[in-house]
Amino acid sequence: MTNDLLQRVLAHPKYQELTRRRGRASLGFFLIMLVVYAGFILTLAFWPEVFAEPIGAGFTMSVGVLSATLVAVSAVIMIAAFVHLSNKRYDPLIEAIVRDVS
């Protein structure tokens, strides 16, 4: 019985739509984070002196501290965006699949 249920879920068109949407979103979030984090690391590796500079006249915070904070904040924003996307787009699809297959 479990194998039959699994086959019905896998064959359901909304399940295939769900996997396509999740795959595209995951790839998009991965690429954005790759650019942000790799940019930070590559700058640190090949141009480290820029991180030691203050962000402006009269500020004691360095560009490195600000950049690291922005990398962390961007990760939190992307997590929140994925949760929102999951609640608004993926959960209704999952509910429809469960309703149709059950």
PDB file of N, CA and C in Angstrom:
ATOM      1  N   MET A   1       0.815  -1.199   0.000  1.00  0.00           N
ATOM      2  CA  MET A   1       0.000   0.000   0.000  1.00  0.00           C
ATOM      3  C   MET A   1       0.858   1.262   0.000  1.00  0.00           C
ATOM      4  N   THR A   2       1.942   1.270   0.735  1.00  0.00           N
ATOM      5  CA  THR A   2       2.802   2.438   0.806  1.00  0.00           C
ATOM      6  C   THR A   2       3.448   2.716  -0.552  1.00  0.00           C
ATOM      7  N   ASN A   3       3.843   1.668  -1.243  1.00  0.00           N
ATOM      8  CA  ASN A   3       4.452   1.829  -2.555  1.00  0.00           C
ATOM      9  C   ASN A   3       3.445   2.412  -3.546  1.00  0.00           C
ATOM     10  N   ASP A   4       2.196   1.975  -3.463  1.00  0.00           N
ATOM     11  CA  ASP A   4       1.140   2.514  -4.330  1.00  0.00           C
ATOM     12  C   ASP A   4       0.916   3.996  -4.053  1.00  0.00           C
ATOM     13  N   LEU A   5       0.887   4.370  -2.787  1.00  0.00           N
ATOM     14  CA  LEU A   5       0.716   5.773  -2.409  1.00  0.00           C
ATOM     15  C   LEU A   5       1.883   6.608  -2.925  1.00  0.00           C
ATOM     16  N   LEU A   6       3.067   6.076  -2.774  1.00  0.00           N
ATOM     17  CA  LEU A   6       4.257   6.773  -3.251  1.00  0.00           C
ATOM     18  C   LEU A   6       4.197   6.980  -4.762  1.00  0.00           C
ATOM     19  N   GLN A   7       3.795   5.978  -5.484  1.00  0.00           N
ATOM     20  CA  GLN A   7       3.696   6.083  -6.940  1.00  0.00           C
ATOM     21  C   GLN A   7       2.641   7.115  -7.360  1.00  0.00           C
ATOM     22  N   ARG A   8       1.526   7.170  -6.625  1.00  0.00           N
ATOM     23  CA  ARG A   8       0.496   8.152  -6.930  1.00  0.00           C
ATOM     24  C   ARG A   8       0.986   9.569  -6.674  1.00  0.00           C
ATOM     25  N   VAL A   9       1.732   9.750  -5.591  1.00  0.00           N
ATOM     26  CA  VAL A   9       2.280  11.081  -5.287  1.00  0.00           C
ATOM     27  C   VAL A   9       3.291  11.484  -6.353  1.00  0.00           C
ATOM     28  N   LEU A  10       4.189  10.584  -6.713  1.00  0.00           N
ATOM     29  CA  LEU A  10       5.209  10.901  -7.702  1.00  0.00           C
ATOM     30  C   LEU A  10       4.614  11.199  -9.078  1.00  0.00           C
ATOM     31  N   ALA A  11       3.506  10.583  -9.393  1.00  0.00           N
ATOM     32  CA  ALA A  11       2.870  10.794 -10.694  1.00  0.00           C
ATOM     33  C   ALA A  11       1.930  11.992 -10.719  1.00  0.00           C
ATOM     34  N   HIS A  12       1.641  12.541  -9.564  1.00  0.00           N
ATOM     35  CA  HIS A  12       0.694  13.658  -9.487  1.00  0.00           C
ATOM     36  C   HIS A  12       1.296  14.894 -10.170  1.00  0.00           C
ATOM     37  N   PRO A  13       0.542  15.574 -11.035  1.00  0.00           N
ATOM     38  CA  PRO A  13       1.075  16.757 -11.734  1.00  0.00           C
ATOM     39  C   PRO A  13       1.457  17.894 -10.796  1.00  0.00           C
ATOM     40  N   LYS A  14       0.731  18.040  -9.696  1.00  0.00           N
ATOM     41  CA  LYS A  14       1.069  19.122  -8.756  1.00  0.00           C
ATOM     42  C   LYS A  14       2.367  18.815  -8.012  1.00  0.00           C
ATOM     43  N   TYR A  15       2.666  17.532  -7.810  1.00  0.00           N
ATOM     44  CA  TYR A  15       3.942  17.164  -7.178  1.00  0.00           C
ATOM     45  C   TYR A  15       5.090  17.515  -8.126  1.00  0.00           C
ATOM     46  N   GLN A  16       4.914  17.249  -9.392  1.00  0.00           N
ATOM     47  CA  GLN A  16       5.953  17.588 -10.360  1.00  0.00           C
ATOM     48  C   GLN A  16       6.129  19.100 -10.463  1.00  0.00           C
ATOM     49  N   GLU A  17       5.026  19.841 -10.384  1.00  0.00           N
ATOM     50  CA  GLU A  17       5.110  21.303 -10.364  1.00  0.00           C
ATOM     51  C   GLU A  17       5.839  21.781  -9.107  1.00  0.00           C
ATOM     52  N   LEU A  18       5.531  21.149  -7.988  1.00  0.00           N
ATOM     53  CA  LEU A  18       6.180  21.496  -6.724  1.00  0.00           C
ATOM     54  C   LEU A  18       7.683  21.279  -6.800  1.00  0.00           C
ATOM     55  N   THR A  19       8.110  20.142  -7.326  1.00  0.00           N
ATOM     56  CA  THR A  19       9.546  19.873  -7.408  1.00  0.00           C
ATOM     57  C   THR A  19      10.238  20.832  -8.381  1.00  0.00           C
ATOM     58  N   ARG A  20       9.555  21.194  -9.475  1.00  0.00           N
ATOM     59  CA  ARG A  20      10.134  22.177 -10.409  1.00  0.00           C
ATOM     60  C   ARG A  20      10.294  23.536  -9.735  1.00  0.00           C
ATOM     61  N   ARG A  21       9.239  23.988  -9.060  1.00  0.00           N
ATOM     62  CA  ARG A  21       9.302  25.303  -8.402  1.00  0.00           C
ATOM     63  C   ARG A  21      10.366  25.340  -7.309  1.00  0.00           C
ATOM     64  N   ARG A  22      10.400  24.288  -6.490  1.00  0.00           N
ATOM     65  CA  ARG A  22      11.403  24.245  -5.423  1.00  0.00           C
ATOM     66  C   ARG A  22      12.811  24.209  -5.987  1.00  0.00           C
ATOM     67  N   GLY A  23      12.991  23.466  -7.063  1.00  0.00           N
ATOM     68  CA  GLY A  23      14.315  23.380  -7.677  1.00  0.00           C
ATOM     69  C   GLY A  23      14.786  24.719  -8.208  1.00  0.00           C
ATOM     70  N   ARG A  24      13.896  25.420  -8.902  1.00  0.00           N
ATOM     71  CA  ARG A  24      14.263  26.742  -9.426  1.00  0.00           C
ATOM     72  C   ARG A  24      14.554  27.725  -8.304  1.00  0.00           C
ATOM     73  N   ALA A  25      13.716  27.719  -7.280  1.00  0.00           N
ATOM     74  CA  ALA A  25      13.924  28.642  -6.156  1.00  0.00           C
ATOM     75  C   ALA A  25      15.220  28.319  -5.423  1.00  0.00           C
ATOM     76  N   SER A  26      15.466  27.049  -5.194  1.00  0.00           N
ATOM     77  CA  SER A  26      16.694  26.649  -4.504  1.00  0.00           C
ATOM     78  C   SER A  26      17.926  27.047  -5.298  1.00  0.00           C
ATOM     79  N   LEU A  27      17.875  26.853  -6.603  1.00  0.00           N
ATOM     80  CA  LEU A  27      18.997  27.237  -7.449  1.00  0.00           C
ATOM     81  C   LEU A  27      19.191  28.752  -7.417  1.00  0.00           C
ATOM     82  N   GLY A  28      18.103  29.497  -7.460  1.00  0.00           N
ATOM     83  CA  GLY A  28      18.206  30.953  -7.390  1.00  0.00           C
ATOM     84  C   GLY A  28      18.816  31.426  -6.086  1.00  0.00           C
ATOM     85  N   PHE A  29      18.334  30.882  -4.969  1.00  0.00           N
ATOM     86  CA  PHE A  29      18.894  31.266  -3.667  1.00  0.00           C
ATOM     87  C   PHE A  29      20.359  30.852  -3.559  1.00  0.00           C
ATOM     88  N   PHE A  30      20.691  29.680  -4.083  1.00  0.00           N
ATOM     89  CA  PHE A  30      22.078  29.218  -4.052  1.00  0.00           C
ATOM     90  C   PHE A  30      22.981  30.166  -4.835  1.00  0.00           C
ATOM     91  N   LEU A  31      22.555  30.557  -6.024  1.00  0.00           N
ATOM     92  CA  LEU A  31      23.384  31.438  -6.850  1.00  0.00           C
ATOM     93  C   LEU A  31      23.558  32.817  -6.214  1.00  0.00           C
ATOM     94  N   ILE A  32      22.500  33.326  -5.632  1.00  0.00           N
ATOM     95  CA  ILE A  32      22.608  34.626  -4.951  1.00  0.00           C
ATOM     96  C   ILE A  32      23.595  34.533  -3.791  1.00  0.00           C
ATOM     97  N   MET A  33      23.452  33.487  -2.972  1.00  0.00           N
ATOM     98  CA  MET A  33      24.351  33.349  -1.825  1.00  0.00           C
ATOM     99  C   MET A  33      25.773  33.056  -2.266  1.00  0.00           C
ATOM    100  N   LEU A  34      25.929  32.325  -3.357  1.00  0.00           N
ATOM    101  CA  LEU A  34      27.264  32.052  -3.893  1.00  0.00           C
ATOM    102  C   LEU A  34      27.957  33.349  -4.284  1.00  0.00           C
ATOM    103  N   VAL A  35      27.236  34.228  -4.960  1.00  0.00           N
ATOM    104  CA  VAL A  35      27.817  35.508  -5.370  1.00  0.00           C
ATOM    105  C   VAL A  35      28.173  36.351  -4.143  1.00  0.00           C
ATOM    106  N   VAL A  36      27.267  36.417  -3.190  1.00  0.00           N
ATOM    107  CA  VAL A  36      27.509  37.238  -1.990  1.00  0.00           C
ATOM    108  C   VAL A  36      28.699  36.702  -1.201  1.00  0.00           C
ATOM    109  N   TYR A  37      28.667  35.411  -0.878  1.00  0.00           N
ATOM    110  CA  TYR A  37      29.712  34.851  -0.030  1.00  0.00           C
ATOM    111  C   TYR A  37      31.047  34.733  -0.768  1.00  0.00           C
ATOM    112  N   ALA A  38      31.005  34.280  -2.016  1.00  0.00           N
ATOM    113  CA  ALA A  38      32.252  34.162  -2.776  1.00  0.00           C
ATOM    114  C   ALA A  38      32.872  35.538  -3.006  1.00  0.00           C
ATOM    115  N   GLY A  39      32.022  36.540  -3.245  1.00  0.00           N
ATOM    116  CA  GLY A  39      32.551  37.895  -3.383  1.00  0.00           C
ATOM    117  C   GLY A  39      33.258  38.356  -2.118  1.00  0.00           C
ATOM    118  N   PHE A  40      32.659  38.055  -0.982  1.00  0.00           N
ATOM    119  CA  PHE A  40      33.274  38.417   0.297  1.00  0.00           C
ATOM    120  C   PHE A  40      34.607  37.688   0.481  1.00  0.00           C
ATOM    121  N   ILE A  41      34.622  36.380   0.259  1.00  0.00           N
ATOM    122  CA  ILE A  41      35.834  35.581   0.470  1.00  0.00           C
ATOM    123  C   ILE A  41      36.923  35.950  -0.535  1.00  0.00           C
ATOM    124  N   LEU A  42      36.550  36.133  -1.804  1.00  0.00           N
ATOM    125  CA  LEU A  42      37.558  36.486  -2.806  1.00  0.00           C
ATOM    126  C   LEU A  42      38.140  37.873  -2.556  1.00  0.00           C
ATOM    127  N   THR A  43      37.314  38.792  -2.102  1.00  0.00           N
ATOM    128  CA  THR A  43      37.833  40.111  -1.735  1.00  0.00           C
ATOM    129  C   THR A  43      38.781  39.990  -0.554  1.00  0.00           C
ATOM    130  N   LEU A  44      38.416  39.179   0.404  1.00  0.00           N
ATOM    131  CA  LEU A  44      39.282  38.955   1.570  1.00  0.00           C
ATOM    132  C   LEU A  44      40.593  38.304   1.164  1.00  0.00           C
ATOM    133  N   ALA A  45      40.551  37.407   0.191  1.00  0.00           N
ATOM    134  CA  ALA A  45      41.757  36.695  -0.226  1.00  0.00           C
ATOM    135  C   ALA A  45      42.680  37.551  -1.085  1.00  0.00           C
ATOM    136  N   PHE A  46      42.119  38.316  -2.018  1.00  0.00           N
ATOM    137  CA  PHE A  46      42.950  39.005  -2.995  1.00  0.00           C
ATOM    138  C   PHE A  46      43.065  40.515  -2.806  1.00  0.00           C
ATOM    139  N   TRP A  47      42.224  41.086  -1.945  1.00  0.00           N
ATOM    140  CA  TRP A  47      42.261  42.528  -1.727  1.00  0.00           C
ATOM    141  C   TRP A  47      41.956  42.820  -0.258  1.00  0.00           C
ATOM    142  N   PRO A  48      42.726  42.231   0.656  1.00  0.00           N
ATOM    143  CA  PRO A  48      42.388  42.319   2.084  1.00  0.00           C
ATOM    144  C   PRO A  48      42.508  43.714   2.680  1.00  0.00           C
ATOM    145  N   GLU A  49      43.323  44.560   2.081  1.00  0.00           N
ATOM    146  CA  GLU A  49      43.507  45.895   2.659  1.00  0.00           C
ATOM    147  C   GLU A  49      42.231  46.731   2.628  1.00  0.00           C
ATOM    148  N   VAL A  50      41.310  46.404   1.724  1.00  0.00           N
ATOM    149  CA  VAL A  50      40.060  47.169   1.662  1.00  0.00           C
ATOM    150  C   VAL A  50      39.217  46.940   2.923  1.00  0.00           C
ATOM    151  N   PHE A  51      39.337  45.773   3.520  1.00  0.00           N
ATOM    152  CA  PHE A  51      38.558  45.477   4.721  1.00  0.00           C
ATOM    153  C   PHE A  51      39.081  46.212   5.952  1.00  0.00           C
ATOM    154  N   ALA A  52      40.314  46.669   5.911  1.00  0.00           N
ATOM    155  CA  ALA A  52      40.886  47.373   7.063  1.00  0.00           C
ATOM    156  C   ALA A  52      40.527  48.849   7.083  1.00  0.00           C
ATOM    157  N   GLU A  53      40.034  49.377   5.983  1.00  0.00           N
ATOM    158  CA  GLU A  53      39.723  50.800   5.906  1.00  0.00           C
ATOM    159  C   GLU A  53      38.438  51.117   6.671  1.00  0.00           C
ATOM    160  N   PRO A  54      38.374  52.307   7.282  1.00  0.00           N
ATOM    161  CA  PRO A  54      37.118  52.706   7.925  1.00  0.00           C
ATOM    162  C   PRO A  54      36.063  53.013   6.866  1.00  0.00           C
ATOM    163  N   ILE A  55      34.787  52.895   7.235  1.00  0.00           N
ATOM    164  CA  ILE A  55      33.728  53.098   6.244  1.00  0.00           C
ATOM    165  C   ILE A  55      33.554  54.561   5.860  1.00  0.00           C
ATOM    166  N   GLY A  56      34.110  55.455   6.623  1.00  0.00           N
ATOM    167  CA  GLY A  56      34.024  56.879   6.298  1.00  0.00           C
ATOM    168  C   GLY A  56      34.743  57.693   7.352  1.00  0.00           C
ATOM    169  N   ALA A  57      34.852  58.987   7.101  1.00  0.00           N
ATOM    170  CA  ALA A  57      35.520  59.864   8.051  1.00  0.00           C
ATOM    171  C   ALA A  57      34.705  59.937   9.338  1.00  0.00           C
ATOM    172  N   GLY A  58      35.373  59.728  10.460  1.00  0.00           N
ATOM    173  CA  GLY A  58      34.704  59.807  11.747  1.00  0.00           C
ATOM    174  C   GLY A  58      34.060  58.507  12.204  1.00  0.00           C
ATOM    175  N   PHE A  59      34.122  57.470  11.390  1.00  0.00           N
ATOM    176  CA  PHE A  59      33.559  56.176  11.786  1.00  0.00           C
ATOM    177  C   PHE A  59      34.670  55.250  12.235  1.00  0.00           C
ATOM    178  N   THR A  60      34.390  54.479  13.252  1.00  0.00           N
ATOM    179  CA  THR A  60      35.398  53.531  13.729  1.00  0.00           C
ATOM    180  C   THR A  60      35.174  52.134  13.162  1.00  0.00           C
ATOM    181  N   MET A  61      34.038  51.893  12.561  1.00  0.00           N
ATOM    182  CA  MET A  61      33.768  50.574  11.993  1.00  0.00           C
ATOM    183  C   MET A  61      34.511  50.424  10.659  1.00  0.00           C
ATOM    184  N   SER A  62      35.093  49.249  10.452  1.00  0.00           N
ATOM    185  CA  SER A  62      35.828  49.013   9.213  1.00  0.00           C
ATOM    186  C   SER A  62      34.908  48.454   8.137  1.00  0.00           C
ATOM    187  N   VAL A  63      35.381  48.508   6.920  1.00  0.00           N
ATOM    188  CA  VAL A  63      34.640  47.950   5.788  1.00  0.00           C
ATOM    189  C   VAL A  63      34.461  46.448   5.972  1.00  0.00           C
ATOM    190  N   GLY A  64      35.444  45.779   6.554  1.00  0.00           N
ATOM    191  CA  GLY A  64      35.355  44.337   6.782  1.00  0.00           C
ATOM    192  C   GLY A  64      34.233  43.954   7.725  1.00  0.00           C
ATOM    193  N   VAL A  65      34.095  44.694   8.816  1.00  0.00           N
ATOM    194  CA  VAL A  65      33.013  44.409   9.771  1.00  0.00           C
ATOM    195  C   VAL A  65      31.656  44.669   9.122  1.00  0.00           C
ATOM    196  N   LEU A  66      31.548  45.763   8.400  1.00  0.00           N
ATOM    197  CA  LEU A  66      30.295  46.073   7.718  1.00  0.00           C
ATOM    198  C   LEU A  66      29.975  45.013   6.663  1.00  0.00           C
ATOM    199  N   SER A  67      30.973  44.599   5.906  1.00  0.00           N
ATOM    200  CA  SER A  67      30.754  43.581   4.866  1.00  0.00           C
ATOM    201  C   SER A  67      30.325  42.256   5.472  1.00  0.00           C
ATOM    202  N   ALA A  68      30.985  41.836   6.528  1.00  0.00           N
ATOM    203  CA  ALA A  68      30.622  40.576   7.185  1.00  0.00           C
ATOM    204  C   ALA A  68      29.206  40.645   7.744  1.00  0.00           C
ATOM    205  N   THR A  69      28.842  41.776   8.300  1.00  0.00           N
ATOM    206  CA  THR A  69      27.487  41.955   8.811  1.00  0.00           C
ATOM    207  C   THR A  69      26.466  41.887   7.686  1.00  0.00           C
ATOM    208  N   LEU A  70      26.776  42.498   6.569  1.00  0.00           N
ATOM    209  CA  LEU A  70      25.866  42.466   5.419  1.00  0.00           C
ATOM    210  C   LEU A  70      25.728  41.056   4.844  1.00  0.00           C
ATOM    211  N   VAL A  71      26.799  40.270   4.864  1.00  0.00           N
ATOM    212  CA  VAL A  71      26.717  38.870   4.421  1.00  0.00           C
ATOM    213  C   VAL A  71      25.777  38.091   5.338  1.00  0.00           C
ATOM    214  N   ALA A  72      25.919  38.281   6.642  1.00  0.00           N
ATOM    215  CA  ALA A  72      25.052  37.581   7.592  1.00  0.00           C
ATOM    216  C   ALA A  72      23.600  38.036   7.457  1.00  0.00           C
ATOM    217  N   VAL A  73      23.386  39.328   7.294  1.00  0.00           N
ATOM    218  CA  VAL A  73      22.028  39.854   7.139  1.00  0.00           C
ATOM    219  C   VAL A  73      21.400  39.344   5.843  1.00  0.00           C
ATOM    220  N   SER A  74      22.190  39.252   4.781  1.00  0.00           N
ATOM    221  CA  SER A  74      21.651  38.738   3.515  1.00  0.00           C
ATOM    222  C   SER A  74      21.215  37.285   3.656  1.00  0.00           C
ATOM    223  N   ALA A  75      21.936  36.504   4.455  1.00  0.00           N
ATOM    224  CA  ALA A  75      21.529  35.112   4.695  1.00  0.00           C
ATOM    225  C   ALA A  75      20.200  35.059   5.448  1.00  0.00           C
ATOM    226  N   VAL A  76      20.031  35.908   6.438  1.00  0.00           N
ATOM    227  CA  VAL A  76      18.774  35.952   7.193  1.00  0.00           C
ATOM    228  C   VAL A  76      17.617  36.389   6.295  1.00  0.00           C
ATOM    229  N   ILE A  77      17.858  37.370   5.446  1.00  0.00           N
ATOM    230  CA  ILE A  77      16.821  37.836   4.520  1.00  0.00           C
ATOM    231  C   ILE A  77      16.435  36.729   3.547  1.00  0.00           C
ATOM    232  N   MET A  78      17.411  35.993   3.063  1.00  0.00           N
ATOM    233  CA  MET A  78      17.100  34.905   2.133  1.00  0.00           C
ATOM    234  C   MET A  78      16.349  33.770   2.820  1.00  0.00           C
ATOM    235  N   ILE A  79      16.667  33.494   4.066  1.00  0.00           N
ATOM    236  CA  ILE A  79      15.920  32.488   4.818  1.00  0.00           C
ATOM    237  C   ILE A  79      14.470  32.933   4.978  1.00  0.00           C
ATOM    238  N   ALA A  80      14.278  34.193   5.339  1.00  0.00           N
ATOM    239  CA  ALA A  80      12.915  34.713   5.487  1.00  0.00           C
ATOM    240  C   ALA A  80      12.165  34.672   4.161  1.00  0.00           C
ATOM    241  N   ALA A  81      12.847  34.973   3.064  1.00  0.00           N
ATOM    242  CA  ALA A  81      12.209  34.929   1.751  1.00  0.00           C
ATOM    243  C   ALA A  81      11.812  33.503   1.390  1.00  0.00           C
ATOM    244  N   PHE A  82      12.665  32.530   1.716  1.00  0.00           N
ATOM    245  CA  PHE A  82      12.330  31.140   1.410  1.00  0.00           C
ATOM    246  C   PHE A  82      11.168  30.648   2.265  1.00  0.00           C
ATOM    247  N   VAL A  83      11.133  31.039   3.518  1.00  0.00           N
ATOM    248  CA  VAL A  83      10.010  30.652   4.382  1.00  0.00           C
ATOM    249  C   VAL A  83       8.713  31.254   3.857  1.00  0.00           C
ATOM    250  N   HIS A  84       8.761  32.512   3.460  1.00  0.00           N
ATOM    251  CA  HIS A  84       7.570  33.154   2.894  1.00  0.00           C
ATOM    252  C   HIS A  84       7.135  32.438   1.620  1.00  0.00           C
ATOM    253  N   LEU A  85       8.074  32.153   0.758  1.00  0.00           N
ATOM    254  CA  LEU A  85       7.783  31.443  -0.481  1.00  0.00           C
ATOM    255  C   LEU A  85       7.201  30.063  -0.197  1.00  0.00           C
ATOM    256  N   SER A  86       7.757  29.398   0.780  1.00  0.00           N
ATOM    257  CA  SER A  86       7.265  28.063   1.143  1.00  0.00           C
ATOM    258  C   SER A  86       5.845  28.131   1.679  1.00  0.00           C
ATOM    259  N   ASN A  87       5.571  29.096   2.524  1.00  0.00           N
ATOM    260  CA  ASN A  87       4.232  29.207   3.106  1.00  0.00           C
ATOM    261  C   ASN A  87       3.185  29.612   2.082  1.00  0.00           C
ATOM    262  N   LYS A  88       3.539  30.469   1.154  1.00  0.00           N
ATOM    263  CA  LYS A  88       2.560  30.992   0.195  1.00  0.00           C
ATOM    264  C   LYS A  88       2.406  30.134  -1.049  1.00  0.00           C
ATOM    265  N   ARG A  89       3.470  29.493  -1.505  1.00  0.00           N
ATOM    266  CA  ARG A  89       3.410  28.766  -2.774  1.00  0.00           C
ATOM    267  C   ARG A  89       3.480  27.252  -2.606  1.00  0.00           C
ATOM    268  N   TYR A  90       4.381  26.773  -1.745  1.00  0.00           N
ATOM    269  CA  TYR A  90       4.604  25.328  -1.664  1.00  0.00           C
ATOM    270  C   TYR A  90       3.584  24.624  -0.781  1.00  0.00           C
ATOM    271  N   ASP A  91       3.235  25.220   0.340  1.00  0.00           N
ATOM    272  CA  ASP A  91       2.276  24.575   1.247  1.00  0.00           C
ATOM    273  C   ASP A  91       0.912  24.335   0.600  1.00  0.00           C
ATOM    274  N   PRO A  92       0.360  25.291  -0.165  1.00  0.00           N
ATOM    275  CA  PRO A  92      -0.910  24.986  -0.841  1.00  0.00           C
ATOM    276  C   PRO A  92      -0.790  23.824  -1.835  1.00  0.00           C
ATOM    277  N   LEU A  93       0.334  23.729  -2.518  1.00  0.00           N
ATOM    278  CA  LEU A  93       0.529  22.602  -3.434  1.00  0.00           C
ATOM    279  C   LEU A  93       0.598  21.282  -2.669  1.00  0.00           C
ATOM    280  N   ILE A  94       1.299  21.279  -1.552  1.00  0.00           N
ATOM    281  CA  ILE A  94       1.401  20.062  -0.742  1.00  0.00           C
ATOM    282  C   ILE A  94       0.032  19.655  -0.219  1.00  0.00           C
ATOM    283  N   GLU A  95      -0.746  20.629   0.248  1.00  0.00           N
ATOM    284  CA  GLU A  95      -2.100  20.329   0.729  1.00  0.00           C
ATOM    285  C   GLU A  95      -2.976  19.756  -0.383  1.00  0.00           C
ATOM    286  N   ALA A  96      -2.849  20.302  -1.597  1.00  0.00           N
ATOM    287  CA  ALA A  96      -3.633  19.787  -2.724  1.00  0.00           C
ATOM    288  C   ALA A  96      -3.206  18.370  -3.089  1.00  0.00           C
ATOM    289  N   ILE A  97      -1.939  18.096  -3.030  1.00  0.00           N
ATOM    290  CA  ILE A  97      -1.446  16.744  -3.331  1.00  0.00           C
ATOM    291  C   ILE A  97      -1.961  15.760  -2.304  1.00  0.00           C
ATOM    292  N   VAL A  98      -1.878  16.107  -1.034  1.00  0.00           N
ATOM    293  CA  VAL A  98      -2.365  15.221   0.039  1.00  0.00           C
ATOM    294  C   VAL A  98      -3.861  15.001  -0.104  1.00  0.00           C
ATOM    295  N   ARG A  99      -4.606  16.044  -0.397  1.00  0.00           N
ATOM    296  CA  ARG A  99      -6.054  15.929  -0.562  1.00  0.00           C
ATOM    297  C   ARG A  99      -6.402  15.025  -1.749  1.00  0.00           C
ATOM    298  N   ASP A 100      -5.703  15.186  -2.861  1.00  0.00           N
ATOM    299  CA  ASP A 100      -6.008  14.403  -4.048  1.00  0.00           C
ATOM    300  C   ASP A 100      -5.578  12.949  -3.936  1.00  0.00           C
ATOM    301  N   VAL A 101      -4.471  12.697  -3.255  1.00  0.00           N
ATOM    302  CA  VAL A 101      -3.919  11.340  -3.193  1.00  0.00           C
ATOM    303  C   VAL A 101      -4.555  10.519  -2.065  1.00  0.00           C
ATOM    304  N   SER A 102      -4.969  11.178  -1.018  1.00  0.00           N
ATOM    305  CA  SER A 102      -5.525  10.450   0.143  1.00  0.00           C
ATOM    306  C   SER A 102      -6.844   9.805  -0.162  1.00  0.00           C
TER     307      SER A 102
END
